[in-house]
Protein backbone atom coordinates (compact mmCIF):
# COMPACT_ATOMS: atom_id res chain seq x y z
CA UNK A 1 18.05 -19.87 -21.96
CA UNK A 2 19.69 -19.76 -25.39
CA UNK A 3 22.81 -17.80 -26.67
CA UNK A 4 21.27 -14.58 -28.26
CA UNK A 5 18.73 -14.35 -25.40
CA UNK A 6 21.52 -15.06 -22.92
CA UNK A 7 23.81 -12.21 -25.59
CA UNK A 8 20.81 -9.60 -25.04
CA UNK A 9 21.16 -10.20 -21.81
CA UNK A 10 24.64 -9.11 -20.76
CA UNK A 11 25.21 -6.55 -23.70
CA UNK A 12 22.20 -5.02 -21.47
CA UNK A 13 24.03 -5.15 -18.59
CA UNK A 14 27.55 -4.06 -19.98
CA UNK A 15 25.41 -0.89 -21.27
CA UNK A 16 23.95 -0.32 -17.66
CA UNK A 17 27.39 -0.70 -15.92
CA UNK A 18 28.80 2.01 -18.41
CA UNK A 19 26.38 4.29 -17.59
CA UNK A 20 26.11 4.34 -14.80
CA UNK A 21 30.26 4.60 -14.19
CA UNK A 22 30.21 7.16 -16.15
CA UNK A 23 26.96 9.33 -14.87
CA UNK A 24 29.82 10.33 -11.79
CA UNK A 25 32.62 11.53 -13.50
CA UNK A 26 30.36 13.94 -16.04
CA UNK A 27 28.13 15.16 -12.55
CA UNK A 28 31.90 15.73 -11.39
CA UNK A 29 32.56 17.61 -14.88
CA UNK A 30 30.02 19.28 -14.28
CA UNK A 31 30.60 20.60 -11.33
CA UNK A 32 34.22 21.10 -11.50
CA UNK A 33 32.96 23.84 -14.80
CA UNK A 34 30.73 25.53 -12.69
CA UNK A 35 33.05 26.28 -9.95
CA UNK A 36 36.63 26.65 -11.45
CA UNK A 37 35.34 27.69 -14.73
CA UNK A 38 31.62 29.59 -14.99
CA UNK A 39 29.52 27.96 -18.16
CA UNK A 40 30.58 31.56 -20.39
CA UNK A 41 33.48 31.55 -19.78
CA UNK A 42 37.31 30.16 -21.72
CA UNK A 43 38.11 28.13 -19.16
CA UNK A 44 34.95 25.40 -19.64
CA UNK A 45 35.92 24.82 -22.63
CA UNK A 46 38.81 22.69 -21.38
CA UNK A 47 36.00 20.56 -18.88
CA UNK A 48 34.70 20.04 -21.57
CA UNK A 49 37.41 18.13 -23.82
CA UNK A 50 37.90 15.91 -20.28
CA UNK A 51 34.32 14.92 -20.25
CA UNK A 52 34.39 14.16 -23.46
CA UNK A 53 35.76 10.06 -24.14
CA UNK A 54 32.88 9.96 -20.99
CA UNK A 55 30.21 11.39 -22.55
CA UNK A 56 30.38 9.45 -25.98
CA UNK A 57 30.89 5.84 -23.38
CA UNK A 58 27.80 6.78 -22.04
CA UNK A 59 26.38 7.04 -25.40
CA UNK A 60 27.98 3.86 -26.38
CA UNK A 61 26.37 2.48 -23.06
CA UNK A 62 22.77 3.79 -23.85
CA UNK A 63 23.47 2.58 -27.63
CA UNK A 64 23.78 -0.67 -25.65
CA UNK A 65 20.80 -0.88 -23.84
CA UNK A 66 18.33 -0.09 -26.66
CA UNK A 67 19.40 -1.77 -28.95
CA UNK A 68 20.58 -5.13 -27.51
CA UNK A 69 18.88 -7.72 -29.11
CA UNK A 70 19.93 -5.63 -31.83
CA UNK A 71 23.62 -6.49 -31.05
CA UNK A 72 22.97 -9.80 -30.40
CA UNK A 73 21.54 -10.70 -33.42
CA UNK A 74 24.46 -9.32 -35.22
CA UNK A 75 26.51 -10.96 -33.10
CA UNK A 76 25.18 -14.27 -33.25
CA UNK A 77 23.04 -13.77 -36.97
CA UNK A 78 24.69 -17.49 -38.21
CA UNK A 79 23.01 -19.58 -35.07
CA UNK A 80 19.46 -20.61 -35.30
CA UNK A 81 16.53 -20.12 -32.51
């Protein structure tokens, strides 16, 4: 297996693990917003601020999963295949 191929697979695994770790946190935060703050009240805003870092990490995980080949090419652009 070549370096870029291995990097592509490992980047996909990293993205998938970030997504899998973030989904339960997001679901827990959404349930807390519904239970304690209500969707339309100002209390939901505080819960959303706690979810924001996890939402950003899941977005990064999705990007890594979808664009893993481009990231591997960027990281190993000097190596020949």
